[in-house]
Amino acid sequence: MNKKQLKSIAIVFGFILMSGCSGKHVTVRDNTLCLDGCSPLPNCVSSTTRILYNRTSPFELLMPSQEAWPMIKDAISHIPRTEIMEYNDTYIHAKCRTRVFRFVDNLELVLQPDMKTVSVRSSSTIAISDLNVNRMRIYRLRNQLEKMGIIKTN
């Protein structure tokens, strides 16, 4: 292979690695904020995706949403290497850094008070695979909220 071919391969490979999920992943449907699902890559976990291996259950609230939501925000703020970027009455967006490589992942939650649920999504901003980091993040958050009596046991 010559240098031009190697450069082309490197550019394509770099693009593939960088084509993970980045930024906010919310849309408004029927005046309701909704989390987007995941792409078919194994670097995302969402309660709204149709892709089975990327799916997790939404959080089901055990208490009124106006009590639960600030407690959920507080639990997220105590996740190591996590910074809440946006918070309002129905949406939380946090950036989480992975332990070893310090990659930035997006953690998003949308409160649906009429259904007493919280949609969740955690996704990598870089890479095709996340080595199950996002699934474990949602699992740990779910366990913490269950222990606090905020959500139903899954």
Protein backbone atom coordinates (compact mmCIF):
# COMPACT_ATOMS: atom_id res chain seq x y z
CA MET A 1 0.00 0.00 0.00
CA ASN A 2 1.19 3.48 -0.76
CA LYS A 3 0.96 6.52 1.53
CA LYS A 4 -2.16 7.87 -0.18
CA GLN A 5 -4.06 4.61 0.38
CA LEU A 6 -2.95 4.43 4.01
CA LYS A 7 -4.04 8.03 4.54
CA SER A 8 -7.47 7.28 3.04
CA ILE A 9 -7.88 4.21 5.24
CA ALA A 10 -6.86 6.20 8.32
CA ILE A 11 -9.39 8.95 7.52
CA VAL A 12 -12.22 6.43 7.01
CA PHE A 13 -11.30 4.54 10.18
CA GLY A 14 -11.11 7.80 12.14
CA PHE A 15 -14.54 8.82 10.87
CA ILE A 16 -16.00 5.47 11.94
CA LEU A 17 -14.53 5.83 15.43
CA MET A 18 -15.81 9.37 15.74
CA SER A 19 -19.29 8.51 14.52
CA GLY A 20 -20.56 7.56 17.94
CA CYS A 21 -23.47 9.35 19.58
CA SER A 22 -22.72 12.92 20.56
CA GLY A 23 -24.63 15.81 22.07
CA LYS A 24 -28.24 15.94 23.14
CA HIS A 25 -30.67 13.34 21.86
CA VAL A 26 -34.11 14.74 22.55
CA THR A 27 -37.00 15.62 20.27
CA VAL A 28 -40.41 17.15 20.85
CA ARG A 29 -43.38 15.05 19.77
CA ASP A 30 -46.94 16.21 20.44
CA ASN A 31 -45.62 18.93 22.79
CA THR A 32 -43.82 16.27 24.82
CA LEU A 33 -40.06 15.95 25.23
CA CYS A 34 -38.85 12.48 24.15
CA LEU A 35 -35.47 10.79 24.19
CA ASP A 36 -34.23 9.42 20.90
CA GLY A 37 -33.40 5.74 20.60
CA CYS A 38 -29.96 4.36 19.79
CA SER A 39 -28.23 3.68 16.52
CA PRO A 40 -27.51 -0.03 15.91
CA LEU A 41 -24.02 0.33 17.40
CA PRO A 42 -23.18 -1.24 20.79
CA ASN A 43 -22.27 2.11 22.39
CA CYS A 44 -25.65 3.23 23.69
CA VAL A 45 -28.36 2.14 26.12
CA SER A 46 -31.83 3.65 26.03
CA SER A 47 -35.31 2.99 27.36
CA THR A 48 -36.77 4.35 24.11
CA THR A 49 -34.85 2.36 21.52
CA ARG A 50 -36.34 -0.43 19.46
CA ILE A 51 -33.01 -2.24 19.19
CA LEU A 52 -33.15 -5.06 21.74
CA TYR A 53 -29.46 -5.23 22.67
CA ASN A 54 -29.44 -1.46 23.36
CA ARG A 55 -32.67 -1.47 25.37
CA THR A 56 -33.22 -0.95 29.08
CA SER A 57 -36.39 -0.31 31.07
CA PRO A 58 -37.54 3.19 31.99
CA PHE A 59 -37.49 4.14 35.66
CA GLU A 60 -40.94 3.84 37.29
CA LEU A 61 -41.47 6.39 40.04
CA LEU A 62 -42.71 5.42 43.51
CA MET A 63 -43.31 9.00 44.62
CA PRO A 64 -44.67 12.22 43.10
CA SER A 65 -42.47 13.46 40.27
CA GLN A 66 -41.94 16.89 41.87
CA GLU A 67 -40.30 15.13 44.86
CA ALA A 68 -38.44 12.50 42.86
CA TRP A 69 -36.90 14.70 40.15
CA PRO A 70 -34.59 16.79 42.41
CA MET A 71 -33.52 13.59 44.20
CA ILE A 72 -32.66 11.99 40.85
CA LYS A 73 -30.61 15.06 39.93
CA ASP A 74 -28.77 14.81 43.25
CA ALA A 75 -28.01 11.10 42.67
CA ILE A 76 -26.61 11.91 39.22
CA SER A 77 -24.46 14.70 40.60
CA HIS A 78 -22.80 12.13 42.89
CA ILE A 79 -21.78 9.79 40.07
CA PRO A 80 -17.97 9.99 39.85
CA ARG A 81 -16.56 12.08 36.97
CA THR A 82 -20.04 13.42 36.08
CA GLU A 83 -21.08 17.01 35.44
CA ILE A 84 -24.69 18.08 34.93
CA MET A 85 -24.80 20.28 31.84
CA GLU A 86 -28.52 21.04 31.73
CA TYR A 87 -31.36 20.63 34.21
CA ASN A 88 -34.99 21.72 34.05
CA ASP A 89 -38.42 20.47 35.14
CA THR A 90 -38.38 17.48 32.76
CA TYR A 91 -34.83 17.04 31.39
CA ILE A 92 -31.37 16.27 32.72
CA HIS A 93 -28.28 16.13 30.51
CA ALA A 94 -24.98 15.14 32.11
CA LYS A 95 -21.51 14.49 30.72
CA CYS A 96 -19.72 11.51 32.24
CA ARG A 97 -16.04 10.74 31.80
CA THR A 98 -14.97 7.12 31.64
CA ARG A 99 -12.52 5.98 34.28
CA VAL A 100 -9.61 4.71 32.21
CA PHE A 101 -9.53 6.63 28.93
CA ARG A 102 -11.56 9.68 30.08
CA PHE A 103 -13.91 9.47 27.08
CA VAL A 104 -16.99 11.65 27.43
CA ASP A 105 -20.40 9.96 27.46
CA ASN A 106 -23.85 11.56 27.51
CA LEU A 107 -26.35 10.65 30.21
CA GLU A 108 -29.86 11.93 29.57
CA LEU A 109 -33.11 11.55 31.46
CA VAL A 110 -36.58 12.79 30.57
CA LEU A 111 -39.33 12.94 33.18
CA GLN A 112 -42.79 11.89 32.02
CA PRO A 113 -44.92 12.89 35.01
CA ASP A 114 -48.23 11.80 33.49
CA MET A 115 -46.91 8.23 33.17
CA LYS A 116 -44.86 8.39 36.41
CA THR A 117 -41.76 7.26 34.49
CA VAL A 118 -38.33 8.55 33.57
CA SER A 119 -36.84 7.70 30.18
CA VAL A 120 -33.08 7.12 30.30
CA ARG A 121 -30.29 7.14 27.74
CA SER A 122 -26.54 6.80 28.12
CA SER A 123 -24.32 6.88 25.05
CA SER A 124 -20.70 7.21 24.02
CA THR A 125 -19.60 10.25 22.10
CA ILE A 126 -16.69 8.38 20.52
CA ALA A 127 -16.17 4.77 19.48
CA ILE A 128 -18.23 1.96 18.10
CA SER A 129 -18.25 -0.07 21.30
CA ASP A 130 -18.32 1.16 24.88
CA LEU A 131 -17.31 -2.11 26.61
CA ASN A 132 -20.68 -2.02 28.44
CA VAL A 133 -19.83 1.19 30.31
CA ASN A 134 -23.15 2.88 29.49
CA ARG A 135 -25.23 -0.14 30.50
CA MET A 136 -23.37 -0.37 33.80
CA ARG A 137 -23.88 3.37 34.41
CA ILE A 138 -27.66 2.99 34.00
CA TYR A 139 -27.60 -0.20 36.13
CA ARG A 140 -25.76 1.56 38.99
CA LEU A 141 -28.03 4.61 38.81
CA ARG A 142 -31.10 2.36 38.82
CA ASN A 143 -29.78 0.48 41.89
CA GLN A 144 -29.05 3.74 43.73
CA LEU A 145 -32.53 5.13 43.02
CA GLU A 146 -34.14 1.83 44.08
CA LYS A 147 -32.22 1.93 47.39
CA MET A 148 -33.39 5.51 47.93
CA GLY A 149 -37.01 4.43 47.38
CA ILE A 150 -37.47 6.73 44.38
CA ILE A 151 -38.16 4.10 41.71
CA LYS A 152 -39.64 0.61 41.59
CA THR A 153 -37.35 -2.39 41.68
CA ASN A 154 -36.81 -3.68 38.19
